[in-house]
Amino acid sequence: MIGSSGAESARERALHTLYDEQAGPLYAYVVRLLRGDRYRAEDVVQETLLRCWRTQDLNADRPLRPWLFRVARNLVVDDYRLRMTRPQEVSGNAWLDDLVTRPDDVDRLLTSLLLREAFRQLSPKHREVLYETYYSGRSTQETGQLLGIPPGTVKSRTYHAVRALRLAMGLVESAHDEVGEKPPWAYPSAA
């Protein structure tokens, strides 16, 4: 323990007893307050016991458990408030990842050029349906009335146009990569 002879004072024994009796329940309480963050909970429990050692009479007959739990709760609340008032902490490489993945004007330009080229590869009927539904914002009913085709045909052309557009832009490798479709090799015949 403390000192070269290994002898403990009455205060040190009281602290050991306090730790043995209260650290487990206090830790469990703080972990719940911190929603499972065990590392921060260890820090809070350590700080709580340190404050108790510094300020409380450990040999008194009054229970210290309510005081410990209140101090721990206050530490958690203070830490939360502190985190909300200062800027969010980031790791050393987070800014670089954010910079690389954030779209910029060059990305938008390249995407628009790719989209325009893919749009030109569509049939005229597919282009006009996509233009009216997505660009002009018309409903299926309105697009059908404008183009003189039934709403079911508008839905079908829109579906096939979007599928062809995705294929032309390279967002899917083949028609079998669409969601819900299964490639022919996925389920071999039982013959």
C-alpha atoms as a PDB file:
ATOM      1  CA  MET A   1       0.000   0.000   0.000  1.00  0.00           C
ATOM      2  CA  ILE A   2       1.179   3.542   0.594  1.00  0.00           C
ATOM      3  CA  GLY A   3       4.597   4.074   2.211  1.00  0.00           C
ATOM      4  CA  SER A   4       7.622   1.842   2.483  1.00  0.00           C
ATOM      5  CA  SER A   5       6.474  -0.168   5.463  1.00  0.00           C
ATOM      6  CA  GLY A   6       3.144  -1.140   3.900  1.00  0.00           C
ATOM      7  CA  ALA A   7       1.220   0.140   6.911  1.00  0.00           C
ATOM      8  CA  GLU A   8      -2.144   1.775   6.241  1.00  0.00           C
ATOM      9  CA  SER A   9      -3.611   4.681   8.095  1.00  0.00           C
ATOM     10  CA  ALA A  10      -7.215   4.614   9.282  1.00  0.00           C
ATOM     11  CA  ARG A  11      -8.129   7.008   6.443  1.00  0.00           C
ATOM     12  CA  GLU A  12      -6.584   4.696   3.837  1.00  0.00           C
ATOM     13  CA  ARG A  13      -8.418   1.678   5.276  1.00  0.00           C
ATOM     14  CA  ALA A  14     -11.656   3.666   5.200  1.00  0.00           C
ATOM     15  CA  LEU A  15     -11.030   4.558   1.557  1.00  0.00           C
ATOM     16  CA  HIS A  16     -10.370   0.905   0.677  1.00  0.00           C
ATOM     17  CA  THR A  17     -13.573  -0.109   2.446  1.00  0.00           C
ATOM     18  CA  LEU A  18     -15.502   2.642   0.688  1.00  0.00           C
ATOM     19  CA  TYR A  19     -14.107   1.504  -2.658  1.00  0.00           C
ATOM     20  CA  ASP A  20     -14.910  -2.153  -2.003  1.00  0.00           C
ATOM     21  CA  GLU A  21     -18.485  -1.362  -0.979  1.00  0.00           C
ATOM     22  CA  GLN A  22     -19.438   1.445  -3.348  1.00  0.00           C
ATOM     23  CA  ALA A  23     -17.323   1.274  -6.522  1.00  0.00           C
ATOM     24  CA  GLY A  24     -19.298  -1.565  -8.147  1.00  0.00           C
ATOM     25  CA  PRO A  25     -22.788  -0.083  -7.738  1.00  0.00           C
ATOM     26  CA  LEU A  26     -21.484   3.401  -8.539  1.00  0.00           C
ATOM     27  CA  TYR A  27     -19.800   2.148 -11.712  1.00  0.00           C
ATOM     28  CA  ALA A  28     -22.988   0.355 -12.844  1.00  0.00           C
ATOM     29  CA  TYR A  29     -24.997   3.536 -12.234  1.00  0.00           C
ATOM     30  CA  VAL A  30     -22.572   5.707 -14.195  1.00  0.00           C
ATOM     31  CA  VAL A  31     -22.397   3.233 -17.101  1.00  0.00           C
ATOM     32  CA  ARG A  32     -26.197   3.498 -17.379  1.00  0.00           C
ATOM     33  CA  LEU A  33     -26.002   7.293 -17.279  1.00  0.00           C
ATOM     34  CA  LEU A  34     -23.387   7.275 -20.038  1.00  0.00           C
ATOM     35  CA  ARG A  35     -25.320   4.742 -22.138  1.00  0.00           C
ATOM     36  CA  GLY A  36     -22.684   2.048 -21.980  1.00  0.00           C
ATOM     37  CA  ASP A  37     -19.490   4.101 -22.294  1.00  0.00           C
ATOM     38  CA  ARG A  38     -17.362   2.082 -19.867  1.00  0.00           C
ATOM     39  CA  TYR A  39     -14.178   4.109 -20.302  1.00  0.00           C
ATOM     40  CA  ARG A  40     -15.803   7.410 -19.418  1.00  0.00           C
ATOM     41  CA  ALA A  41     -17.619   5.659 -16.564  1.00  0.00           C
ATOM     42  CA  GLU A  42     -14.289   4.551 -15.096  1.00  0.00           C
ATOM     43  CA  ASP A  43     -13.066   8.156 -15.217  1.00  0.00           C
ATOM     44  CA  VAL A  44     -16.213   9.456 -13.527  1.00  0.00           C
ATOM     45  CA  VAL A  45     -16.037   6.838 -10.756  1.00  0.00           C
ATOM     46  CA  GLN A  46     -12.363   7.601 -10.174  1.00  0.00           C
ATOM     47  CA  GLU A  47     -13.027  11.345  -9.996  1.00  0.00           C
ATOM     48  CA  THR A  48     -16.001  10.793  -7.670  1.00  0.00           C
ATOM     49  CA  LEU A  49     -13.978   8.671  -5.250  1.00  0.00           C
ATOM     50  CA  LEU A  50     -11.109  11.143  -5.378  1.00  0.00           C
ATOM     51  CA  ARG A  51     -13.440  14.012  -4.482  1.00  0.00           C
ATOM     52  CA  CYS A  52     -14.891  11.942  -1.676  1.00  0.00           C
ATOM     53  CA  TRP A  53     -11.418  11.220  -0.313  1.00  0.00           C
ATOM     54  CA  ARG A  54     -10.498  14.914  -0.473  1.00  0.00           C
ATOM     55  CA  THR A  55     -13.664  16.422   0.983  1.00  0.00           C
ATOM     56  CA  GLN A  56     -15.566  13.894   3.096  1.00  0.00           C
ATOM     57  CA  ASP A  57     -14.953  12.434   6.514  1.00  0.00           C
ATOM     58  CA  LEU A  58     -14.603   8.753   5.702  1.00  0.00           C
ATOM     59  CA  ASN A  59     -14.846   7.683   9.334  1.00  0.00           C
ATOM     60  CA  ALA A  60     -18.201   9.382   9.954  1.00  0.00           C
ATOM     61  CA  ASP A  61     -21.223   7.234  10.643  1.00  0.00           C
ATOM     62  CA  ARG A  62     -23.345   8.870   7.944  1.00  0.00           C
ATOM     63  CA  PRO A  63     -23.788   7.001   4.644  1.00  0.00           C
ATOM     64  CA  LEU A  64     -21.730   8.309   1.744  1.00  0.00           C
ATOM     65  CA  ARG A  65     -23.586   6.468  -1.011  1.00  0.00           C
ATOM     66  CA  PRO A  66     -26.146   9.242  -1.730  1.00  0.00           C
ATOM     67  CA  TRP A  67     -23.340  11.805  -1.847  1.00  0.00           C
ATOM     68  CA  LEU A  68     -21.277   9.615  -4.217  1.00  0.00           C
ATOM     69  CA  PHE A  69     -24.169   9.052  -6.602  1.00  0.00           C
ATOM     70  CA  ARG A  70     -25.055  12.756  -6.640  1.00  0.00           C
ATOM     71  CA  VAL A  71     -21.461  13.786  -7.351  1.00  0.00           C
ATOM     72  CA  ALA A  72     -21.166  11.167 -10.107  1.00  0.00           C
ATOM     73  CA  ARG A  73     -24.397  12.367 -11.695  1.00  0.00           C
ATOM     74  CA  ASN A  74     -23.219  15.976 -11.515  1.00  0.00           C
ATOM     75  CA  LEU A  75     -19.918  15.033 -13.164  1.00  0.00           C
ATOM     76  CA  VAL A  76     -21.768  13.308 -16.012  1.00  0.00           C
ATOM     77  CA  VAL A  77     -24.083  16.308 -16.488  1.00  0.00           C
ATOM     78  CA  ASP A  78     -21.164  18.763 -16.380  1.00  0.00           C
ATOM     79  CA  ASP A  79     -19.240  16.703 -18.930  1.00  0.00           C
ATOM     80  CA  TYR A  80     -22.284  16.576 -21.210  1.00  0.00           C
ATOM     81  CA  ARG A  81     -22.757  20.331 -21.000  1.00  0.00           C
ATOM     82  CA  LEU A  82     -19.089  20.914 -21.692  1.00  0.00           C
ATOM     83  CA  ARG A  83     -19.211  18.711 -24.783  1.00  0.00           C
ATOM     84  CA  MET A  84     -22.265  20.575 -26.079  1.00  0.00           C
ATOM     85  CA  THR A  85     -20.635  24.009 -25.737  1.00  0.00           C
ATOM     86  CA  ARG A  86     -17.321  23.326 -27.417  1.00  0.00           C
ATOM     87  CA  PRO A  87     -16.743  22.267 -31.017  1.00  0.00           C
ATOM     88  CA  GLN A  88     -16.987  18.611 -31.851  1.00  0.00           C
ATOM     89  CA  GLU A  89     -13.736  16.749 -31.421  1.00  0.00           C
ATOM     90  CA  VAL A  90     -12.364  15.049 -34.516  1.00  0.00           C
ATOM     91  CA  SER A  91      -9.559  12.644 -35.026  1.00  0.00           C
ATOM     92  CA  GLY A  92      -6.421  13.713 -36.825  1.00  0.00           C
ATOM     93  CA  ASN A  93      -7.481  12.166 -40.139  1.00  0.00           C
ATOM     94  CA  ALA A  94     -11.206  12.976 -40.081  1.00  0.00           C
ATOM     95  CA  TRP A  95     -10.766  16.298 -41.859  1.00  0.00           C
ATOM     96  CA  LEU A  96      -8.858  14.590 -44.659  1.00  0.00           C
ATOM     97  CA  ASP A  97     -11.546  11.928 -45.113  1.00  0.00           C
ATOM     98  CA  ASP A  98     -14.204  14.639 -45.131  1.00  0.00           C
ATOM     99  CA  LEU A  99     -12.255  16.644 -47.682  1.00  0.00           C
ATOM    100  CA  VAL A 100     -11.821  13.668 -49.991  1.00  0.00           C
ATOM    101  CA  THR A 101     -15.445  12.521 -49.822  1.00  0.00           C
ATOM    102  CA  ARG A 102     -17.133  15.944 -49.933  1.00  0.00           C
ATOM    103  CA  PRO A 103     -18.506  16.637 -53.411  1.00  0.00           C
ATOM    104  CA  ASP A 104     -17.219  19.811 -54.975  1.00  0.00           C
ATOM    105  CA  ASP A 105     -17.889  21.735 -58.182  1.00  0.00           C
ATOM    106  CA  VAL A 106     -15.627  19.463 -60.230  1.00  0.00           C
ATOM    107  CA  ASP A 107     -17.521  16.380 -59.040  1.00  0.00           C
ATOM    108  CA  ARG A 108     -20.858  18.015 -59.891  1.00  0.00           C
ATOM    109  CA  LEU A 109     -19.581  18.993 -63.324  1.00  0.00           C
ATOM    110  CA  LEU A 110     -18.288  15.504 -64.087  1.00  0.00           C
ATOM    111  CA  THR A 111     -21.507  13.929 -62.833  1.00  0.00           C
ATOM    112  CA  SER A 112     -23.627  16.258 -64.954  1.00  0.00           C
ATOM    113  CA  LEU A 113     -21.507  15.496 -68.054  1.00  0.00           C
ATOM    114  CA  LEU A 114     -21.831  11.777 -67.392  1.00  0.00           C
ATOM    115  CA  LEU A 115     -25.575  12.121 -66.854  1.00  0.00           C
ATOM    116  CA  ARG A 116     -26.021  14.162 -70.044  1.00  0.00           C
ATOM    117  CA  GLU A 117     -24.125  11.586 -72.095  1.00  0.00           C
ATOM    118  CA  ALA A 118     -26.129   8.726 -70.577  1.00  0.00           C
ATOM    119  CA  PHE A 119     -29.362  10.683 -71.162  1.00  0.00           C
ATOM    120  CA  ARG A 120     -28.504  11.037 -74.857  1.00  0.00           C
ATOM    121  CA  GLN A 121     -28.167   7.252 -75.149  1.00  0.00           C
ATOM    122  CA  LEU A 122     -31.830   6.763 -74.163  1.00  0.00           C
ATOM    123  CA  SER A 123     -34.590   6.442 -76.726  1.00  0.00           C
ATOM    124  CA  PRO A 124     -36.625   9.609 -77.397  1.00  0.00           C
ATOM    125  CA  LYS A 125     -39.697   8.112 -75.642  1.00  0.00           C
ATOM    126  CA  HIS A 126     -37.658   7.347 -72.516  1.00  0.00           C
ATOM    127  CA  ARG A 127     -36.047  10.793 -72.552  1.00  0.00           C
ATOM    128  CA  GLU A 128     -39.356  12.629 -72.749  1.00  0.00           C
ATOM    129  CA  VAL A 129     -40.903  10.584 -69.924  1.00  0.00           C
ATOM    130  CA  LEU A 130     -37.896  11.182 -67.651  1.00  0.00           C
ATOM    131  CA  TYR A 131     -37.856  14.878 -68.536  1.00  0.00           C
ATOM    132  CA  GLU A 132     -41.526  15.350 -67.704  1.00  0.00           C
ATOM    133  CA  THR A 133     -41.558  13.276 -64.496  1.00  0.00           C
ATOM    134  CA  TYR A 134     -38.199  14.125 -62.914  1.00  0.00           C
ATOM    135  CA  TYR A 135     -37.124  17.456 -64.378  1.00  0.00           C
ATOM    136  CA  SER A 136     -40.551  19.098 -64.743  1.00  0.00           C
ATOM    137  CA  GLY A 137     -41.910  17.407 -61.617  1.00  0.00           C
ATOM    138  CA  ARG A 138     -45.159  16.246 -63.165  1.00  0.00           C
ATOM    139  CA  SER A 139     -47.163  13.354 -61.791  1.00  0.00           C
ATOM    140  CA  THR A 140     -47.722  10.154 -63.713  1.00  0.00           C
ATOM    141  CA  GLN A 141     -51.256  11.290 -64.577  1.00  0.00           C
ATOM    142  CA  GLU A 142     -50.105  14.727 -65.789  1.00  0.00           C
ATOM    143  CA  THR A 143     -47.266  13.248 -67.848  1.00  0.00           C
ATOM    144  CA  GLY A 144     -49.659  10.778 -69.458  1.00  0.00           C
ATOM    145  CA  GLN A 145     -52.102  13.538 -70.413  1.00  0.00           C
ATOM    146  CA  LEU A 146     -49.318  15.727 -71.791  1.00  0.00           C
ATOM    147  CA  LEU A 147     -47.750  12.941 -73.868  1.00  0.00           C
ATOM    148  CA  GLY A 148     -51.069  11.323 -74.834  1.00  0.00           C
ATOM    149  CA  ILE A 149     -50.286   7.933 -73.270  1.00  0.00           C
ATOM    150  CA  PRO A 150     -51.921   5.992 -70.411  1.00  0.00           C
ATOM    151  CA  PRO A 151     -50.487   6.359 -66.867  1.00  0.00           C
ATOM    152  CA  GLY A 152     -49.451   2.700 -66.845  1.00  0.00           C
ATOM    153  CA  THR A 153     -47.303   3.309 -69.911  1.00  0.00           C
ATOM    154  CA  VAL A 154     -45.733   6.331 -68.188  1.00  0.00           C
ATOM    155  CA  LYS A 155     -44.832   4.154 -65.197  1.00  0.00           C
ATOM    156  CA  SER A 156     -43.404   1.407 -67.393  1.00  0.00           C
ATOM    157  CA  ARG A 157     -41.359   3.805 -69.523  1.00  0.00           C
ATOM    158  CA  THR A 158     -40.087   5.607 -66.429  1.00  0.00           C
ATOM    159  CA  TYR A 159     -38.985   2.335 -64.845  1.00  0.00           C
ATOM    160  CA  HIS A 160     -37.190   1.143 -67.974  1.00  0.00           C
ATOM    161  CA  ALA A 161     -35.683   4.579 -68.634  1.00  0.00           C
ATOM    162  CA  VAL A 162     -34.229   4.821 -65.134  1.00  0.00           C
ATOM    163  CA  ARG A 163     -32.908   1.291 -65.418  1.00  0.00           C
ATOM    164  CA  ALA A 164     -31.272   2.060 -68.782  1.00  0.00           C
ATOM    165  CA  LEU A 165     -29.876   5.317 -67.405  1.00  0.00           C
ATOM    166  CA  ARG A 166     -28.293   3.542 -64.438  1.00  0.00           C
ATOM    167  CA  LEU A 167     -26.804   0.973 -66.781  1.00  0.00           C
ATOM    168  CA  ALA A 168     -25.449   3.682 -69.104  1.00  0.00           C
ATOM    169  CA  MET A 169     -23.891   5.550 -66.175  1.00  0.00           C
ATOM    170  CA  GLY A 170     -22.213   2.407 -64.876  1.00  0.00           C
ATOM    171  CA  LEU A 171     -24.110   2.377 -61.590  1.00  0.00           C
ATOM    172  CA  VAL A 172     -24.925  -1.291 -62.191  1.00  0.00           C
ATOM    173  CA  GLU A 173     -22.746  -3.701 -64.109  1.00  0.00           C
ATOM    174  CA  SER A 174     -25.554  -5.578 -65.800  1.00  0.00           C
ATOM    175  CA  ALA A 175     -29.311  -5.805 -65.834  1.00  0.00           C
ATOM    176  CA  HIS A 176     -29.074  -8.581 -63.230  1.00  0.00           C
ATOM    177  CA  ASP A 177     -27.533  -6.259 -60.636  1.00  0.00           C
ATOM    178  CA  GLU A 178     -30.857  -4.473 -60.143  1.00  0.00           C
ATOM    179  CA  VAL A 179     -32.457  -4.864 -56.749  1.00  0.00           C
ATOM    180  CA  GLY A 180     -34.931  -7.722 -56.643  1.00  0.00           C
ATOM    181  CA  GLU A 181     -33.647  -9.475 -59.760  1.00  0.00           C
ATOM    182  CA  LYS A 182     -31.683 -12.661 -59.508  1.00  0.00           C
ATOM    183  CA  PRO A 183     -29.015 -13.582 -62.035  1.00  0.00           C
ATOM    184  CA  PRO A 184     -29.686 -16.765 -63.991  1.00  0.00           C
ATOM    185  CA  TRP A 185     -26.680 -18.525 -62.445  1.00  0.00           C
ATOM    186  CA  ALA A 186     -27.914 -17.946 -58.876  1.00  0.00           C
ATOM    187  CA  TYR A 187     -30.431 -20.787 -58.953  1.00  0.00           C
ATOM    188  CA  PRO A 188     -29.255 -23.681 -61.145  1.00  0.00           C
ATOM    189  CA  SER A 189     -31.976 -25.847 -62.539  1.00  0.00           C
ATOM    190  CA  ALA A 190     -32.662 -29.153 -60.863  1.00  0.00           C
ATOM    191  CA  ALA A 191     -32.359 -31.075 -64.157  1.00  0.00           C
END
